[in-house]
Protein backbone atom coordinates (compact mmCIF):
# COMPACT_ATOMS: atom_id res chain seq x y z
CA MET A 1 117.47 227.53 288.92
CA ALA A 2 116.62 230.68 286.71
CA ASN A 3 115.81 234.08 288.01
CA GLN A 4 111.98 233.93 289.22
CA ILE A 5 110.12 237.24 288.49
CA LEU A 6 107.40 238.41 290.27
CA ALA A 7 104.43 239.20 288.29
CA LEU A 8 103.12 242.49 289.25
CA GLY A 9 99.86 242.31 287.10
CA THR A 10 98.81 245.24 284.45
CA THR A 11 97.54 247.65 286.75
CA ALA A 12 97.37 247.96 290.51
CA ASP A 13 95.14 245.62 292.45
CA ASP A 14 93.81 243.88 288.94
CA GLY A 15 94.00 240.44 290.71
CA THR A 16 96.80 239.34 288.09
CA GLY A 17 99.80 239.48 290.04
CA ASP A 18 101.17 237.12 292.23
CA ASN A 19 99.74 237.17 295.84
CA LEU A 20 101.86 237.78 298.75
CA ARG A 21 102.65 233.77 299.39
CA VAL A 22 103.63 233.54 295.99
CA GLY A 23 105.79 236.48 295.89
CA GLY A 24 107.48 235.74 299.04
CA ASP A 25 108.16 231.95 298.05
CA LYS A 26 110.07 233.71 294.77
CA ILE A 27 111.90 235.90 296.83
CA ASN A 28 113.07 233.16 299.11
CA ASP A 29 113.86 231.30 296.26
CA ASN A 30 116.07 233.46 294.43
CA PHE A 31 118.07 234.17 297.94
CA LEU A 32 118.76 230.64 298.59
CA GLU A 33 120.30 230.24 295.07
CA LEU A 34 122.09 233.55 295.72
CA TYR A 35 123.46 232.00 299.31
CA THR A 36 124.03 228.80 297.96
CA ALA A 37 126.23 230.09 294.88
CA LEU A 38 128.29 232.66 297.45
CA GLY A 39 128.05 230.21 300.70
CA ASP A 40 126.70 226.77 301.96
CA GLY A 41 123.03 227.84 301.76
CA ASP A 42 122.85 229.89 304.82
CA ALA A 43 125.37 232.35 305.01
CA ILE A 44 127.60 233.88 302.19
CA SER A 45 131.40 232.57 302.60
CA SER A 46 134.63 234.37 302.44
CA GLY A 47 135.15 233.00 298.69
CA ILE A 48 133.33 233.12 295.71
CA SER A 49 132.06 230.55 293.07
CA ALA A 50 130.51 230.92 290.00
CA SER A 51 129.48 228.69 287.19
CA ALA A 52 129.53 231.58 284.68
CA THR A 53 132.04 231.51 281.77
CA VAL A 54 133.52 235.19 282.01
CA ILE A 55 133.59 237.09 285.53
CA SER A 56 134.57 240.54 285.15
CA LEU A 57 135.52 242.32 288.27
CA VAL A 58 136.29 246.59 288.46
CA ALA A 59 139.49 247.34 290.81
CA PRO A 60 139.19 244.09 292.89
CA ASN A 61 141.44 244.06 295.99
CA ILE A 62 142.38 240.17 296.11
CA SER A 63 144.22 238.99 299.01
CA GLY A 64 144.89 235.33 300.41
CA THR A 65 145.65 232.51 298.28
CA VAL A 66 144.43 232.19 294.53
CA ALA A 67 143.83 228.58 294.15
CA GLY A 68 142.84 226.34 290.78
CA THR A 69 144.00 226.54 287.26
CA GLN A 70 143.88 229.30 284.92
CA THR A 71 144.20 228.35 281.25
CA ALA A 72 143.95 231.73 279.96
CA ALA A 73 144.61 235.53 281.43
CA THR A 74 145.91 238.94 281.15
CA ILE A 75 147.22 240.66 284.17
CA THR A 76 147.79 244.17 282.95
CA THR A 77 149.67 245.59 286.12
CA LEU A 78 151.08 243.23 289.12
CA ASN A 79 152.37 245.10 292.07
CA SER A 80 153.81 243.38 294.62
CA THR A 81 156.95 242.62 296.48
CA THR A 82 156.99 238.96 296.64
CA VAL A 83 155.38 236.44 294.35
CA ASN A 84 155.01 233.03 295.81
CA ALA A 85 154.46 230.10 293.27
CA GLY A 86 155.00 226.28 293.52
CA THR A 87 155.14 225.68 289.64
CA ALA A 88 154.90 228.62 287.03
CA THR A 89 154.84 227.60 283.11
CA ILE A 90 154.57 230.21 280.65
CA ALA A 91 153.88 228.36 277.05
CA ALA A 92 154.45 231.40 275.18
CA GLY A 93 154.81 234.97 275.50
CA SER A 94 157.21 236.90 277.64
CA ILE A 95 157.51 238.73 280.99
CA THR A 96 159.43 242.19 281.14
CA ASP A 97 159.82 244.61 283.84
CA SER A 98 159.28 248.05 282.99
CA SER A 99 163.29 249.12 283.08
CA GLY A 100 163.62 246.48 280.50
CA ALA A 101 166.63 244.78 282.50
CA ILE A 102 164.90 241.44 282.65
CA SER A 103 162.99 239.53 280.56
CA PHE A 104 161.83 236.31 279.73
CA GLY A 105 160.31 234.85 276.55
CA ASN A 106 160.68 232.62 274.03
CA GLU A 107 162.81 230.11 276.56
CA ASN A 108 165.27 232.55 276.97
CA LEU A 109 166.01 234.69 280.33
CA THR A 110 167.68 238.02 279.70
CA THR A 111 169.29 240.25 282.17
CA THR A 112 171.62 243.56 282.10
CA GLY A 113 171.90 243.60 285.77
CA THR A 114 173.06 241.37 288.32
CA LEU A 115 170.90 237.74 288.82
CA GLY A 116 171.66 237.07 292.66
CA VAL A 117 170.57 233.05 293.35
CA GLY A 118 171.70 230.92 296.22
CA ALA A 119 172.21 228.06 294.10
CA ILE A 120 170.88 226.47 289.95
CA THR A 121 169.74 223.47 289.84
CA THR A 122 168.81 222.10 286.61
CA THR A 123 167.36 218.41 285.08
CA GLY A 124 169.48 218.72 282.34
CA ALA A 125 172.46 220.68 280.30
CA PHE A 126 172.71 224.33 281.16
CA LYS A 127 173.48 225.94 277.85
CA GLY A 128 174.69 229.15 276.69
CA ALA A 129 173.64 231.61 274.30
CA ASP A 130 175.52 229.53 271.75
CA GLY A 131 174.46 226.33 272.58
CA TYR A 132 177.42 225.23 274.73
CA THR A 133 176.58 223.09 277.97
CA ILE A 134 177.97 223.49 281.30
CA GLY A 135 177.53 220.94 283.87
CA ASN A 136 175.36 217.64 283.49
CA ALA A 137 178.19 215.64 285.23
CA SER A 138 177.65 213.06 288.28
CA VAL A 139 180.01 214.81 290.22
CA ALA A 140 178.79 217.27 293.10
CA ALA A 141 180.34 220.48 291.83
CA VAL A 142 181.33 220.52 288.43
CA MET A 143 182.29 224.52 288.44
CA THR A 144 182.64 226.69 291.83
CA LEU A 145 183.47 230.10 292.01
CA ALA A 146 185.06 231.32 295.06
CA SER A 147 184.42 234.88 296.44
CA SER A 148 187.98 235.71 295.42
CA GLY A 149 187.14 235.17 291.63
CA ILE A 150 189.08 231.73 291.25
CA VAL A 151 187.13 229.31 288.97
CA THR A 152 187.64 226.02 290.07
CA PHE A 153 186.55 223.09 287.58
CA ALA A 154 186.43 219.25 289.02
CA ASP A 155 187.70 217.94 285.69
CA ASP A 156 189.01 218.66 282.61
CA ILE A 157 188.20 221.67 280.50
CA LEU A 158 187.65 220.95 276.87
CA ILE A 159 187.48 223.14 273.80
CA LYS A 160 186.18 222.76 270.68
CA ASP A 161 189.14 222.67 267.67
CA GLY A 162 189.90 226.43 266.68
CA GLY A 163 188.38 227.68 270.20
CA THR A 164 189.59 230.96 271.45
CA ILE A 165 189.78 232.44 275.11
CA GLY A 166 190.29 236.05 275.59
CA ASN A 167 188.94 239.37 274.70
CA ALA A 168 191.63 240.64 272.78
CA THR A 169 191.95 242.87 269.83
CA THR A 170 193.85 239.99 267.69
CA ALA A 171 191.39 237.64 265.49
CA ALA A 172 192.64 234.89 267.98
CA ALA A 173 194.43 235.36 271.03
CA ILE A 174 194.55 231.93 272.06
CA GLN A 175 194.27 228.98 269.26
CA ILE A 176 193.84 225.41 270.57
CA GLU A 177 194.69 223.02 267.47
CA ALA A 178 193.80 219.51 267.06
CA ASP A 179 196.48 217.99 268.03
CA GLY A 180 196.32 219.98 271.62
CA ASP A 181 198.87 222.45 270.93
CA ILE A 182 197.96 226.05 272.36
CA VAL A 183 199.25 228.94 270.01
CA LEU A 184 199.41 232.48 271.41
CA SER A 185 199.23 235.27 268.77
CA ASP A 186 201.16 237.23 271.34
CA ASP A 187 203.68 237.63 274.55
CA LEU A 188 202.94 235.51 277.79
CA TYR A 189 202.86 236.96 281.26
CA ILE A 190 202.95 234.86 284.09
CA SER A 191 202.53 237.19 287.23
CA GLY A 192 202.91 234.32 289.64
CA GLY A 193 206.49 234.16 288.72
CA LEU A 194 207.30 230.57 288.64
CA LEU A 195 206.74 228.66 285.45
CA ASP A 196 206.48 224.42 286.08
CA LEU A 197 207.45 222.52 282.73
CA LYS A 198 206.44 219.06 283.80
CA ASN A 199 206.55 215.85 280.46
CA GLU A 200 204.88 212.74 280.09
CA GLY A 201 208.20 210.98 279.91
CA SER A 202 210.79 212.67 278.50
CA VAL A 203 213.04 215.23 279.78
CA SER A 204 211.78 218.77 279.56
CA GLN A 205 212.78 221.16 276.91
CA ILE A 206 212.63 224.98 276.04
CA LYS A 207 213.23 225.62 272.16
CA LEU A 208 214.23 229.07 271.43
CA TYR A 209 214.13 230.01 267.80
CA CYS A 210 216.01 232.89 265.85
CA GLU A 211 214.26 235.70 264.32
CA SER A 212 214.02 234.64 260.74
CA SER A 213 211.25 232.37 259.86
CA ASN A 214 211.82 230.24 262.85
CA ALA A 215 214.24 228.55 260.96
CA HIS A 216 216.61 227.64 263.70
CA ALA A 217 216.19 226.63 267.73
CA GLN A 218 218.46 226.46 270.42
CA THR A 219 217.26 224.09 272.79
CA LEU A 220 217.33 224.50 276.79
CA GLN A 221 216.94 220.72 278.48
CA SER A 222 217.15 219.83 281.97
CA ALA A 223 218.81 217.05 283.21
CA PRO A 224 218.10 213.32 282.87
CA HIS A 225 216.49 211.44 285.91
CA SER A 226 219.59 209.37 286.38
CA ALA A 227 221.35 212.51 287.09
CA ALA A 228 218.76 213.20 290.25
CA SER A 229 219.49 216.62 289.75
CA SER A 230 217.41 219.50 291.59
CA SER A 231 220.38 222.32 290.83
CA VAL A 232 219.41 226.15 290.50
CA CYS A 233 221.28 227.56 287.82
CA VAL A 234 221.50 231.67 288.05
CA LEU A 235 221.85 233.83 284.96
CA PRO A 236 224.65 236.08 284.76
CA THR A 237 224.37 239.36 286.14
CA ALA A 238 226.30 240.98 282.84
CA SER A 239 225.05 241.03 279.52
CA GLY A 240 226.93 238.61 277.09
CA THR A 241 226.82 235.35 275.67
CA LEU A 242 227.27 231.83 277.18
CA ILE A 243 229.75 229.37 276.37
CA GLY A 244 229.02 226.16 276.16
CA THR A 245 231.26 222.60 276.23
CA GLY A 246 230.85 222.57 272.77
CA ASP A 247 231.84 226.13 271.40
CA THR A 248 235.02 227.95 270.29
CA GLY A 249 234.26 231.10 271.68
CA THR A 250 236.20 233.58 273.51
CA LEU A 251 235.92 233.26 277.48
CA PRO A 252 237.49 236.37 279.03
CA LEU A 253 240.33 235.98 281.40
CA VAL A 254 238.69 238.14 284.02
CA ALA A 255 235.91 235.31 284.20
CA ILE A 256 238.50 233.00 285.45
CA ASP A 257 238.98 233.19 289.02
CA ILE A 258 242.32 231.88 289.98
CA ASP A 259 242.37 233.96 293.56
CA GLY A 260 239.16 232.03 294.48
CA GLY A 261 240.58 228.38 293.48
CA THR A 262 241.76 225.99 295.71
CA ASP A 263 245.81 225.77 296.10
CA ILE A 264 247.57 222.54 294.98
CA GLY A 265 248.88 221.81 298.14
CA ALA A 266 251.89 220.21 297.15
CA ASP A 267 255.32 220.92 295.01
CA LEU A 268 254.83 221.48 291.52
CA ALA A 269 255.33 218.31 289.09
CA THR A 270 256.52 217.98 285.33
CA THR A 271 253.33 216.24 285.24
CA ASP A 272 250.87 219.12 286.08
CA LEU A 273 248.88 220.90 283.22
CA ILE A 274 248.79 224.68 282.14
CA ILE A 275 247.19 226.39 279.71
CA VAL A 276 249.10 228.41 276.66
CA ASP A 277 248.21 230.52 274.04
CA ASP A 278 249.87 228.48 271.19
CA GLY A 279 251.77 230.55 269.09
CA ALA A 280 249.60 233.83 270.84
CA GLY A 281 247.31 233.31 267.38
CA GLY A 282 244.31 232.61 270.06
CA THR A 283 244.01 228.86 270.24
CA ASN A 284 244.23 227.79 273.88
CA ARG A 285 245.95 224.62 274.43
CA LYS A 286 247.22 222.46 277.16
CA ALA A 287 251.19 221.88 278.22
CA ALA A 288 253.02 219.79 280.88
CA LEU A 289 254.93 221.60 283.06
CA SER A 290 258.10 219.50 281.54
CA ARG A 291 257.77 221.63 278.55
CA VAL A 292 258.91 224.73 280.62
CA ILE A 293 261.86 222.57 281.73
CA THR A 294 262.57 221.71 278.11
CA LEU A 295 262.64 225.55 276.99
CA ALA A 296 265.30 226.41 279.92
CA GLN A 297 267.15 224.01 279.10
CA ALA A 298 267.30 224.84 275.46
CA ASN A 299 268.23 228.43 275.88
CA LEU A 300 270.20 227.97 279.02
CA ASP A 301 273.20 229.37 276.60
CA ASP A 302 271.34 232.29 275.12
CA PRO A 303 270.05 234.14 278.31
CA VAL A 304 268.19 236.67 275.77
CA ALA A 305 266.47 234.25 274.08
CA LEU A 306 265.45 232.59 277.21
CA ALA A 307 264.21 236.08 278.64
CA LEU A 308 262.29 236.41 275.13
CA ALA A 309 260.88 232.80 275.37
CA LEU A 310 259.42 233.38 279.08
CA GLY A 311 258.42 236.70 278.02
């Protein structure tokens, strides 16, 4: 109903205005329309509804629940300690706090501070700034981060070809090649103190290359499975060169612990072996004790020669 205006006439008591009954009826109709719009017709309710396209409120205090759907609105300032929303959708634009620490716009969430959440649940893949995907797997916990800082993955970690790990000054601190090899551009430090070198069916090996373009390599290899060995090899305490079974290097005499050896426990026999320096020329050879007897017999008639021969 349109607003009904009381006819007042041209001049007072000229008889052209509304009489008291008509005027009272218009007043009643106007109030009934307001009470109906703002309440139930008999009393004004706590809520307000209106059919106008635009409603302007100057410095209002809004409390309670705001229901309905707002298709377009601008809130200049929102001061609140808690904002509860079932579903909030931002089609365009952005939300930025006054300090600039958190901003949301164009489907990106950026924060310069700490974001604390109980859990993050996504209906699809969780993507980083460069589009890399984390999660979206069928396992319950694809990745867990313990309070100690340890990150645990439920399955393998796959890094694209040519990917890098680390925050180093070199161009690529770690390179993962297409065949799966991992190349470090600098030293490798293992603070745990234990290096387990396992394999997929061949004995484990460590290759130590020379200093000239990696032209040569010496290999440290474990014993085969058939040896059933779990021995511990302790390195020497002094600097020097280790001699293998195929080497012709010099073994210092002090390295041979005769005093710590086991006694033969029997009389010496001519078949027992000794080590001699052939011609004192540095070539070590074995000899039977029978050769000592032959030497003594050959020089019995010449005590001087025998003394010289026996030293």
